[in-house]
Amino acid sequence: MARTSNVHRDLKRRKMHAKYQDRRTALKQQLKESNNPREKQNIQFQLQALPRNSSPTRLKNRCAVTGRPRAYMRKFGLSRITFREMASLGLLPGVRKSSW
């Protein structure tokens, strides 16, 4: 199990990202469309003024059950270990052990 501080930090970052996502994408679009260097610089300053934790690159995929950051399976939101345990117990609908 991951340290609870790491899990809470990631949750805090996800909330911050959701809060500022629309504003960040709008500013990036304006930056892309602008041709005026002064306007681009102004938009860049506005982007820099946003909180660092609102950036999507600061997010870390973690297991929803254990908080483990490694071997994360995006489709299920679980780590490989938790996925295997839950699949063998039949807790994941539609998942079967393959055989051929």
PDB file of N, CA and C in Angstrom:
ATOM      1  N   MET A   1       0.844  -1.177   0.000  1.00  0.00           N
ATOM      2  CA  MET A   1       0.000   0.000   0.000  1.00  0.00           C
ATOM      3  C   MET A   1       0.888   1.240   0.000  1.00  0.00           C
ATOM      4  N   ALA A   2       0.545   2.167  -0.856  1.00  0.00           N
ATOM      5  CA  ALA A   2       1.317   3.406  -0.945  1.00  0.00           C
ATOM      6  C   ALA A   2       1.063   4.273   0.283  1.00  0.00           C
ATOM      7  N   ARG A   3       2.021   5.156   0.548  1.00  0.00           N
ATOM      8  CA  ARG A   3       1.830   6.088   1.663  1.00  0.00           C
ATOM      9  C   ARG A   3       0.611   6.954   1.370  1.00  0.00           C
ATOM     10  N   THR A   4      -0.178   7.184   2.393  1.00  0.00           N
ATOM     11  CA  THR A   4      -1.419   7.928   2.194  1.00  0.00           C
ATOM     12  C   THR A   4      -1.142   9.362   1.762  1.00  0.00           C
ATOM     13  N   SER A   5       0.001   9.917   2.166  1.00  0.00           N
ATOM     14  CA  SER A   5       0.310  11.293   1.751  1.00  0.00           C
ATOM     15  C   SER A   5       0.486  11.376   0.238  1.00  0.00           C
ATOM     16  N   ASN A   6       1.097  10.346  -0.366  1.00  0.00           N
ATOM     17  CA  ASN A   6       1.274  10.341  -1.817  1.00  0.00           C
ATOM     18  C   ASN A   6      -0.066  10.227  -2.532  1.00  0.00           C
ATOM     19  N   VAL A   7      -0.946   9.403  -2.010  1.00  0.00           N
ATOM     20  CA  VAL A   7      -2.268   9.231  -2.610  1.00  0.00           C
ATOM     21  C   VAL A   7      -3.063  10.528  -2.501  1.00  0.00           C
ATOM     22  N   HIS A   8      -3.039  11.163  -1.344  1.00  0.00           N
ATOM     23  CA  HIS A   8      -3.772  12.419  -1.148  1.00  0.00           C
ATOM     24  C   HIS A   8      -3.189  13.544  -2.006  1.00  0.00           C
ATOM     25  N   ARG A   9      -1.876  13.559  -2.155  1.00  0.00           N
ATOM     26  CA  ARG A   9      -1.234  14.569  -2.998  1.00  0.00           C
ATOM     27  C   ARG A   9      -1.706  14.423  -4.442  1.00  0.00           C
ATOM     28  N   ASP A  10      -1.778  13.172  -4.912  1.00  0.00           N
ATOM     29  CA  ASP A  10      -2.226  12.943  -6.278  1.00  0.00           C
ATOM     30  C   ASP A  10      -3.703  13.324  -6.442  1.00  0.00           C
ATOM     31  N   LEU A  11      -4.526  13.024  -5.449  1.00  0.00           N
ATOM     32  CA  LEU A  11      -5.942  13.411  -5.521  1.00  0.00           C
ATOM     33  C   LEU A  11      -6.092  14.932  -5.560  1.00  0.00           C
ATOM     34  N   LYS A  12      -5.281  15.610  -4.773  1.00  0.00           N
ATOM     35  CA  LYS A  12      -5.304  17.074  -4.748  1.00  0.00           C
ATOM     36  C   LYS A  12      -4.918  17.634  -6.116  1.00  0.00           C
ATOM     37  N   ARG A  13      -3.905  17.031  -6.735  1.00  0.00           N
ATOM     38  CA  ARG A  13      -3.478  17.474  -8.060  1.00  0.00           C
ATOM     39  C   ARG A  13      -4.553  17.217  -9.105  1.00  0.00           C
ATOM     40  N   ARG A  14      -5.262  16.095  -8.989  1.00  0.00           N
ATOM     41  CA  ARG A  14      -6.329  15.784  -9.951  1.00  0.00           C
ATOM     42  C   ARG A  14      -7.475  16.788  -9.844  1.00  0.00           C
ATOM     43  N   LYS A  15      -7.819  17.181  -8.613  1.00  0.00           N
ATOM     44  CA  LYS A  15      -8.862  18.195  -8.427  1.00  0.00           C
ATOM     45  C   LYS A  15      -8.420  19.529  -9.002  1.00  0.00           C
ATOM     46  N   MET A  16      -7.168  19.892  -8.769  1.00  0.00           N
ATOM     47  CA  MET A  16      -6.635  21.147  -9.275  1.00  0.00           C
ATOM     48  C   MET A  16      -6.619  21.139 -10.800  1.00  0.00           C
ATOM     49  N   HIS A  17      -6.238  20.014 -11.387  1.00  0.00           N
ATOM     50  CA  HIS A  17      -6.203  19.889 -12.844  1.00  0.00           C
ATOM     51  C   HIS A  17      -7.613  20.042 -13.426  1.00  0.00           C
ATOM     52  N   ALA A  18      -8.591  19.410 -12.803  1.00  0.00           N
ATOM     53  CA  ALA A  18      -9.971  19.509 -13.282  1.00  0.00           C
ATOM     54  C   ALA A  18     -10.488  20.944 -13.186  1.00  0.00           C
ATOM     55  N   LYS A  19     -10.075  21.650 -12.146  1.00  0.00           N
ATOM     56  CA  LYS A  19     -10.536  23.016 -11.932  1.00  0.00           C
ATOM     57  C   LYS A  19     -10.008  23.971 -13.010  1.00  0.00           C
ATOM     58  N   TYR A  20      -8.743  23.828 -13.401  1.00  0.00           N
ATOM     59  CA  TYR A  20      -8.105  24.759 -14.318  1.00  0.00           C
ATOM     60  C   TYR A  20      -7.976  24.233 -15.746  1.00  0.00           C
ATOM     61  N   GLN A  21      -8.496  23.064 -16.036  1.00  0.00           N
ATOM     62  CA  GLN A  21      -8.310  22.443 -17.343  1.00  0.00           C
ATOM     63  C   GLN A  21      -8.873  23.300 -18.479  1.00  0.00           C
ATOM     64  N   ASP A  22     -10.093  23.806 -18.314  1.00  0.00           N
ATOM     65  CA  ASP A  22     -10.708  24.612 -19.365  1.00  0.00           C
ATOM     66  C   ASP A  22      -9.916  25.890 -19.635  1.00  0.00           C
ATOM     67  N   ARG A  23      -9.498  26.549 -18.578  1.00  0.00           N
ATOM     68  CA  ARG A  23      -8.748  27.800 -18.739  1.00  0.00           C
ATOM     69  C   ARG A  23      -7.404  27.541 -19.417  1.00  0.00           C
ATOM     70  N   ARG A  24      -6.734  26.462 -18.998  1.00  0.00           N
ATOM     71  CA  ARG A  24      -5.430  26.133 -19.580  1.00  0.00           C
ATOM     72  C   ARG A  24      -5.559  25.818 -21.076  1.00  0.00           C
ATOM     73  N   THR A  25      -6.557  25.028 -21.458  1.00  0.00           N
ATOM     74  CA  THR A  25      -6.728  24.695 -22.875  1.00  0.00           C
ATOM     75  C   THR A  25      -7.095  25.928 -23.696  1.00  0.00           C
ATOM     76  N   ALA A  26      -7.914  26.811 -23.120  1.00  0.00           N
ATOM     77  CA  ALA A  26      -8.270  28.047 -23.832  1.00  0.00           C
ATOM     78  C   ALA A  26      -7.035  28.920 -24.059  1.00  0.00           C
ATOM     79  N   LEU A  27      -6.202  29.055 -23.047  1.00  0.00           N
ATOM     80  CA  LEU A  27      -4.981  29.858 -23.192  1.00  0.00           C
ATOM     81  C   LEU A  27      -4.023  29.231 -24.211  1.00  0.00           C
ATOM     82  N   LYS A  28      -3.907  27.927 -24.200  1.00  0.00           N
ATOM     83  CA  LYS A  28      -3.028  27.257 -25.160  1.00  0.00           C
ATOM     84  C   LYS A  28      -3.534  27.461 -26.587  1.00  0.00           C
ATOM     85  N   GLN A  29      -4.863  27.413 -26.750  1.00  0.00           N
ATOM     86  CA  GLN A  29      -5.440  27.634 -28.076  1.00  0.00           C
ATOM     87  C   GLN A  29      -5.180  29.068 -28.543  1.00  0.00           C
ATOM     88  N   GLN A  30      -5.326  30.033 -27.640  1.00  0.00           N
ATOM     89  CA  GLN A  30      -5.040  31.431 -27.984  1.00  0.00           C
ATOM     90  C   GLN A  30      -3.572  31.603 -28.362  1.00  0.00           C
ATOM     91  N   LEU A  31      -2.705  30.929 -27.639  1.00  0.00           N
ATOM     92  CA  LEU A  31      -1.270  31.011 -27.913  1.00  0.00           C
ATOM     93  C   LEU A  31      -0.958  30.458 -29.302  1.00  0.00           C
ATOM     94  N   LYS A  32      -1.650  29.394 -29.661  1.00  0.00           N
ATOM     95  CA  LYS A  32      -1.444  28.765 -30.959  1.00  0.00           C
ATOM     96  C   LYS A  32      -1.921  29.661 -32.109  1.00  0.00           C
ATOM     97  N   GLU A  33      -3.047  30.343 -31.900  1.00  0.00           N
ATOM     98  CA  GLU A  33      -3.650  31.151 -32.952  1.00  0.00           C
ATOM     99  C   GLU A  33      -3.034  32.543 -33.080  1.00  0.00           C
ATOM    100  N   SER A  34      -2.404  33.025 -32.043  1.00  0.00           N
ATOM    101  CA  SER A  34      -1.880  34.393 -32.032  1.00  0.00           C
ATOM    102  C   SER A  34      -0.636  34.529 -32.913  1.00  0.00           C
ATOM    103  N   ASN A  35      -0.522  35.690 -33.574  1.00  0.00           N
ATOM    104  CA  ASN A  35       0.658  35.995 -34.390  1.00  0.00           C
ATOM    105  C   ASN A  35       1.475  37.135 -33.799  1.00  0.00           C
ATOM    106  N   ASN A  36       0.867  37.913 -32.934  1.00  0.00           N
ATOM    107  CA  ASN A  36       1.514  39.069 -32.329  1.00  0.00           C
ATOM    108  C   ASN A  36       2.447  38.613 -31.195  1.00  0.00           C
ATOM    109  N   PRO A  37       3.736  38.957 -31.255  1.00  0.00           N
ATOM    110  CA  PRO A  37       4.678  38.515 -30.216  1.00  0.00           C
ATOM    111  C   PRO A  37       4.334  39.038 -28.811  1.00  0.00           C
ATOM    112  N   ARG A  38       3.855  40.273 -28.736  1.00  0.00           N
ATOM    113  CA  ARG A  38       3.504  40.824 -27.414  1.00  0.00           C
ATOM    114  C   ARG A  38       2.302  40.087 -26.827  1.00  0.00           C
ATOM    115  N   GLU A  39       1.353  39.772 -27.681  1.00  0.00           N
ATOM    116  CA  GLU A  39       0.171  39.044 -27.219  1.00  0.00           C
ATOM    117  C   GLU A  39       0.561  37.632 -26.765  1.00  0.00           C
ATOM    118  N   LYS A  40       1.452  37.009 -27.533  1.00  0.00           N
ATOM    119  CA  LYS A  40       1.928  35.672 -27.156  1.00  0.00           C
ATOM    120  C   LYS A  40       2.630  35.712 -25.799  1.00  0.00           C
ATOM    121  N   GLN A  41       3.424  36.738 -25.583  1.00  0.00           N
ATOM    122  CA  GLN A  41       4.135  36.865 -24.317  1.00  0.00           C
ATOM    123  C   GLN A  41       3.147  37.052 -23.165  1.00  0.00           C
ATOM    124  N   ASN A  42       2.124  37.851 -23.385  1.00  0.00           N
ATOM    125  CA  ASN A  42       1.094  38.076 -22.367  1.00  0.00           C
ATOM    126  C   ASN A  42       0.368  36.771 -22.025  1.00  0.00           C
ATOM    127  N   ILE A  43       0.024  36.006 -23.053  1.00  0.00           N
ATOM    128  CA  ILE A  43      -0.651  34.719 -22.830  1.00  0.00           C
ATOM    129  C   ILE A  43       0.276  33.767 -22.089  1.00  0.00           C
ATOM    130  N   GLN A  44       1.551  33.792 -22.436  1.00  0.00           N
ATOM    131  CA  GLN A  44       2.533  32.927 -21.761  1.00  0.00           C
ATOM    132  C   GLN A  44       2.634  33.270 -20.279  1.00  0.00           C
ATOM    133  N   PHE A  45       2.592  34.556 -19.949  1.00  0.00           N
ATOM    134  CA  PHE A  45       2.619  34.973 -18.542  1.00  0.00           C
ATOM    135  C   PHE A  45       1.365  34.486 -17.814  1.00  0.00           C
ATOM    136  N   GLN A  46       0.233  34.526 -18.496  1.00  0.00           N
ATOM    137  CA  GLN A  46      -1.011  34.033 -17.892  1.00  0.00           C
ATOM    138  C   GLN A  46      -0.928  32.534 -17.625  1.00  0.00           C
ATOM    139  N   LEU A  47      -0.327  31.794 -18.547  1.00  0.00           N
ATOM    140  CA  LEU A  47      -0.140  30.355 -18.339  1.00  0.00           C
ATOM    141  C   LEU A  47       0.793  30.087 -17.163  1.00  0.00           C
ATOM    142  N   GLN A  48       1.834  30.882 -17.039  1.00  0.00           N
ATOM    143  CA  GLN A  48       2.782  30.703 -15.941  1.00  0.00           C
ATOM    144  C   GLN A  48       2.165  31.060 -14.600  1.00  0.00           C
ATOM    145  N   ALA A  49       1.147  31.908 -14.627  1.00  0.00           N
ATOM    146  CA  ALA A  49       0.495  32.316 -13.378  1.00  0.00           C
ATOM    147  C   ALA A  49      -0.415  31.227 -12.820  1.00  0.00           C
ATOM    148  N   LEU A  50      -0.798  30.272 -13.660  1.00  0.00           N
ATOM    149  CA  LEU A  50      -1.634  29.168 -13.178  1.00  0.00           C
ATOM    150  C   LEU A  50      -0.828  28.297 -12.207  1.00  0.00           C
ATOM    151  N   PRO A  51      -1.505  27.634 -11.266  1.00  0.00           N
ATOM    152  CA  PRO A  51      -0.778  26.778 -10.313  1.00  0.00           C
ATOM    153  C   PRO A  51      -0.052  25.629 -11.012  1.00  0.00           C
ATOM    154  N   ARG A  52       1.093  25.276 -10.500  1.00  0.00           N
ATOM    155  CA  ARG A  52       1.865  24.181 -11.091  1.00  0.00           C
ATOM    156  C   ARG A  52       1.102  22.864 -11.050  1.00  0.00           C
ATOM    157  N   ASN A  53       0.375  22.633  -9.974  1.00  0.00           N
ATOM    158  CA  ASN A  53      -0.338  21.368  -9.835  1.00  0.00           C
ATOM    159  C   ASN A  53      -1.526  21.249 -10.777  1.00  0.00           C
ATOM    160  N   SER A  54      -1.834  22.301 -11.517  1.00  0.00           N
ATOM    161  CA  SER A  54      -2.929  22.206 -12.478  1.00  0.00           C
ATOM    162  C   SER A  54      -2.446  21.639 -13.814  1.00  0.00           C
ATOM    163  N   SER A  55      -1.153  21.438 -13.946  1.00  0.00           N
ATOM    164  CA  SER A  55      -0.595  20.893 -15.178  1.00  0.00           C
ATOM    165  C   SER A  55      -0.844  19.379 -15.248  1.00  0.00           C
ATOM    166  N   PRO A  56      -1.243  18.865 -16.426  1.00  0.00           N
ATOM    167  CA  PRO A  56      -1.517  17.422 -16.534  1.00  0.00           C
ATOM    168  C   PRO A  56      -0.265  16.556 -16.389  1.00  0.00           C
ATOM    169  N   THR A  57       0.923  17.125 -16.613  1.00  0.00           N
ATOM    170  CA  THR A  57       2.142  16.320 -16.510  1.00  0.00           C
ATOM    171  C   THR A  57       2.496  15.982 -15.071  1.00  0.00           C
ATOM    172  N   ARG A  58       1.890  16.657 -14.118  1.00  0.00           N
ATOM    173  CA  ARG A  58       2.192  16.382 -12.712  1.00  0.00           C
ATOM    174  C   ARG A  58       1.312  15.277 -12.129  1.00  0.00           C
ATOM    175  N   LEU A  59       0.389  14.740 -12.933  1.00  0.00           N
ATOM    176  CA  LEU A  59      -0.473  13.657 -12.466  1.00  0.00           C
ATOM    177  C   LEU A  59       0.262  12.330 -12.597  1.00  0.00           C
ATOM    178  N   LYS A  60      -0.024  11.420 -11.680  1.00  0.00           N
ATOM    179  CA  LYS A  60       0.570  10.090 -11.698  1.00  0.00           C
ATOM    180  C   LYS A  60      -0.557   9.071 -11.618  1.00  0.00           C
ATOM    181  N   ASN A  61      -0.583   8.134 -12.546  1.00  0.00           N
ATOM    182  CA  ASN A  61      -1.606   7.086 -12.491  1.00  0.00           C
ATOM    183  C   ASN A  61      -1.343   6.179 -11.307  1.00  0.00           C
ATOM    184  N   ARG A  62      -2.368   6.002 -10.472  1.00  0.00           N
ATOM    185  CA  ARG A  62      -2.242   5.154  -9.291  1.00  0.00           C
ATOM    186  C   ARG A  62      -3.401   4.172  -9.213  1.00  0.00           C
ATOM    187  N   CYS A  63      -3.136   3.027  -8.613  1.00  0.00           N
ATOM    188  CA  CYS A  63      -4.173   2.018  -8.404  1.00  0.00           C
ATOM    189  C   CYS A  63      -5.262   2.598  -7.507  1.00  0.00           C
ATOM    190  N   ALA A  64      -6.522   2.359  -7.877  1.00  0.00           N
ATOM    191  CA  ALA A  64      -7.642   2.902  -7.117  1.00  0.00           C
ATOM    192  C   ALA A  64      -7.784   2.231  -5.748  1.00  0.00           C
ATOM    193  N   VAL A  65      -7.288   1.012  -5.606  1.00  0.00           N
ATOM    194  CA  VAL A  65      -7.439   0.264  -4.355  1.00  0.00           C
ATOM    195  C   VAL A  65      -6.241   0.477  -3.437  1.00  0.00           C
ATOM    196  N   THR A  66      -5.036   0.272  -3.972  1.00  0.00           N
ATOM    197  CA  THR A  66      -3.841   0.288  -3.131  1.00  0.00           C
ATOM    198  C   THR A  66      -3.022   1.570  -3.242  1.00  0.00           C
ATOM    199  N   GLY A  67      -3.183   2.321  -4.327  1.00  0.00           N
ATOM    200  CA  GLY A  67      -2.394   3.523  -4.529  1.00  0.00           C
ATOM    201  C   GLY A  67      -1.039   3.252  -5.142  1.00  0.00           C
ATOM    202  N   ARG A  68      -0.816   2.025  -5.583  1.00  0.00           N
ATOM    203  CA  ARG A  68       0.471   1.652  -6.177  1.00  0.00           C
ATOM    204  C   ARG A  68       0.673   2.387  -7.504  1.00  0.00           C
ATOM    205  N   PRO A  69       1.841   3.060  -7.691  1.00  0.00           N
ATOM    206  CA  PRO A  69       2.049   3.838  -8.904  1.00  0.00           C
ATOM    207  C   PRO A  69       2.607   3.046 -10.082  1.00  0.00           C
ATOM    208  N   ARG A  70       3.159   1.873  -9.831  1.00  0.00           N
ATOM    209  CA  ARG A  70       3.781   1.107 -10.911  1.00  0.00           C
ATOM    210  C   ARG A  70       2.848   0.009 -11.409  1.00  0.00           C
ATOM    211  N   ALA A  71       3.079  -0.433 -12.629  1.00  0.00           N
ATOM    212  CA  ALA A  71       2.308  -1.498 -13.269  1.00  0.00           C
ATOM    213  C   ALA A  71       0.813  -1.185 -13.231  1.00  0.00           C
ATOM    214  N   TYR A  72       0.473   0.020 -13.663  1.00  0.00           N
ATOM    215  CA  TYR A  72      -0.909   0.501 -13.656  1.00  0.00           C
ATOM    216  C   TYR A  72      -1.591   0.105 -14.960  1.00  0.00           C
ATOM    217  N   MET A  73      -2.781  -0.475 -14.869  1.00  0.00           N
ATOM    218  CA  MET A  73      -3.553  -0.849 -16.054  1.00  0.00           C
ATOM    219  C   MET A  73      -4.657   0.183 -16.249  1.00  0.00           C
ATOM    220  N   ARG A  74      -4.534   0.992 -17.296  1.00  0.00           N
ATOM    221  CA  ARG A  74      -5.449   2.109 -17.518  1.00  0.00           C
ATOM    222  C   ARG A  74      -6.900   1.666 -17.699  1.00  0.00           C
ATOM    223  N   LYS A  75      -7.088   0.564 -18.384  1.00  0.00           N
ATOM    224  CA  LYS A  75      -8.447   0.114 -18.689  1.00  0.00           C
ATOM    225  C   LYS A  75      -9.254  -0.151 -17.422  1.00  0.00           C
ATOM    226  N   PHE A  76      -8.587  -0.600 -16.372  1.00  0.00           N
ATOM    227  CA  PHE A  76      -9.277  -0.952 -15.133  1.00  0.00           C
ATOM    228  C   PHE A  76      -8.988  -0.006 -13.980  1.00  0.00           C
ATOM    229  N   GLY A  77      -7.935   0.785 -14.082  1.00  0.00           N
ATOM    230  CA  GLY A  77      -7.576   1.697 -13.006  1.00  0.00           C
ATOM    231  C   GLY A  77      -6.963   0.981 -11.814  1.00  0.00           C
ATOM    232  N   LEU A  78      -6.368  -0.173 -12.065  1.00  0.00           N
ATOM    233  CA  LEU A  78      -5.791  -1.000 -11.003  1.00  0.00           C
ATOM    234  C   LEU A  78      -4.350  -1.363 -11.334  1.00  0.00           C
ATOM    235  N   SER A  79      -3.602  -1.721 -10.313  1.00  0.00           N
ATOM    236  CA  SER A  79      -2.250  -2.236 -10.542  1.00  0.00           C
ATOM    237  C   SER A  79      -2.375  -3.707 -10.949  1.00  0.00           C
ATOM    238  N   ARG A  80      -1.303  -4.255 -11.481  1.00  0.00           N
ATOM    239  CA  ARG A  80      -1.347  -5.641 -11.967  1.00  0.00           C
ATOM    240  C   ARG A  80      -1.646  -6.634 -10.852  1.00  0.00           C
ATOM    241  N   ILE A  81      -1.141  -6.349  -9.663  1.00  0.00           N
ATOM    242  CA  ILE A  81      -1.336  -7.261  -8.536  1.00  0.00           C
ATOM    243  C   ILE A  81      -2.799  -7.256  -8.100  1.00  0.00           C
ATOM    244  N   THR A  82      -3.367  -6.075  -7.924  1.00  0.00           N
ATOM    245  CA  THR A  82      -4.762  -5.950  -7.523  1.00  0.00           C
ATOM    246  C   THR A  82      -5.676  -6.501  -8.609  1.00  0.00           C
ATOM    247  N   PHE A  83      -5.324  -6.240  -9.877  1.00  0.00           N
ATOM    248  CA  PHE A  83      -6.115  -6.756 -10.989  1.00  0.00           C
ATOM    249  C   PHE A  83      -6.168  -8.280 -10.944  1.00  0.00           C
ATOM    250  N   ARG A  84      -5.020  -8.909 -10.732  1.00  0.00           N
ATOM    251  CA  ARG A  84      -4.956 -10.372 -10.717  1.00  0.00           C
ATOM    252  C   ARG A  84      -5.787 -10.951  -9.569  1.00  0.00           C
ATOM    253  N   GLU A  85      -5.671 -10.337  -8.397  1.00  0.00           N
ATOM    254  CA  GLU A  85      -6.444 -10.806  -7.244  1.00  0.00           C
ATOM    255  C   GLU A  85      -7.946 -10.674  -7.492  1.00  0.00           C
ATOM    256  N   MET A  86      -8.365  -9.515  -7.969  1.00  0.00           N
ATOM    257  CA  MET A  86      -9.789  -9.282  -8.189  1.00  0.00           C
ATOM    258  C   MET A  86     -10.336 -10.138  -9.324  1.00  0.00           C
ATOM    259  N   ALA A  87      -9.531 -10.354 -10.361  1.00  0.00           N
ATOM    260  CA  ALA A  87      -9.980 -11.179 -11.480  1.00  0.00           C
ATOM    261  C   ALA A  87     -10.129 -12.635 -11.048  1.00  0.00           C
ATOM    262  N   SER A  88      -9.215 -13.112 -10.235  1.00  0.00           N
ATOM    263  CA  SER A  88      -9.301 -14.508  -9.801  1.00  0.00           C
ATOM    264  C   SER A  88     -10.471 -14.727  -8.845  1.00  0.00           C
ATOM    265  N   LEU A  89     -10.888 -13.677  -8.138  1.00  0.00           N
ATOM    266  CA  LEU A  89     -12.049 -13.780  -7.254  1.00  0.00           C
ATOM    267  C   LEU A  89     -13.361 -13.526  -7.993  1.00  0.00           C
ATOM    268  N   GLY A  90     -13.264 -13.137  -9.266  1.00  0.00           N
ATOM    269  CA  GLY A  90     -14.460 -12.882 -10.066  1.00  0.00           C
ATOM    270  C   GLY A  90     -15.102 -11.537  -9.786  1.00  0.00           C
ATOM    271  N   LEU A  91     -14.340 -10.588  -9.296  1.00  0.00           N
ATOM    272  CA  LEU A  91     -14.878  -9.271  -8.964  1.00  0.00           C
ATOM    273  C   LEU A  91     -14.880  -8.300 -10.143  1.00  0.00           C
ATOM    274  N   LEU A  92     -14.234  -8.692 -11.246  1.00  0.00           N
ATOM    275  CA  LEU A  92     -14.201  -7.842 -12.436  1.00  0.00           C
ATOM    276  C   LEU A  92     -15.092  -8.466 -13.511  1.00  0.00           C
ATOM    277  N   PRO A  93     -16.219  -7.845 -13.815  1.00  0.00           N
ATOM    278  CA  PRO A  93     -17.125  -8.432 -14.793  1.00  0.00           C
ATOM    279  C   PRO A  93     -16.514  -8.453 -16.193  1.00  0.00           C
ATOM    280  N   GLY A  94     -16.706  -9.563 -16.880  1.00  0.00           N
ATOM    281  CA  GLY A  94     -16.225  -9.687 -18.250  1.00  0.00           C
ATOM    282  C   GLY A  94     -14.781 -10.116 -18.371  1.00  0.00           C
ATOM    283  N   VAL A  95     -14.109 -10.383 -17.266  1.00  0.00           N
ATOM    284  CA  VAL A  95     -12.702 -10.787 -17.308  1.00  0.00           C
ATOM    285  C   VAL A  95     -12.622 -12.272 -17.007  1.00  0.00           C
ATOM    286  N   ARG A  96     -11.995 -13.002 -17.952  1.00  0.00           N
ATOM    287  CA  ARG A  96     -11.812 -14.433 -17.756  1.00  0.00           C
ATOM    288  C   ARG A  96     -10.362 -14.792 -18.007  1.00  0.00           C
ATOM    289  N   LYS A  97      -9.935 -15.863 -17.395  1.00  0.00           N
ATOM    290  CA  LYS A  97      -8.592 -16.354 -17.637  1.00  0.00           C
ATOM    291  C   LYS A  97      -8.575 -16.998 -19.021  1.00  0.00           C
ATOM    292  N   SER A  98      -7.577 -16.642 -19.826  1.00  0.00           N
ATOM    293  CA  SER A  98      -7.544 -17.173 -21.187  1.00  0.00           C
ATOM    294  C   SER A  98      -6.935 -18.569 -21.192  1.00  0.00           C
ATOM    295  N   SER A  99      -7.403 -19.365 -22.137  1.00  0.00           N
ATOM    296  CA  SER A  99      -6.818 -20.692 -22.346  1.00  0.00           C
ATOM    297  C   SER A  99      -6.978 -21.045 -23.815  1.00  0.00           C
ATOM    298  N   TRP A 100      -5.958 -21.670 -24.383  1.00  0.00           N
ATOM    299  CA  TRP A 100      -6.020 -22.084 -25.781  1.00  0.00           C
ATOM    300  C   TRP A 100      -5.239 -23.332 -26.007  1.00  0.00           C
TER     301      TRP A 100
END
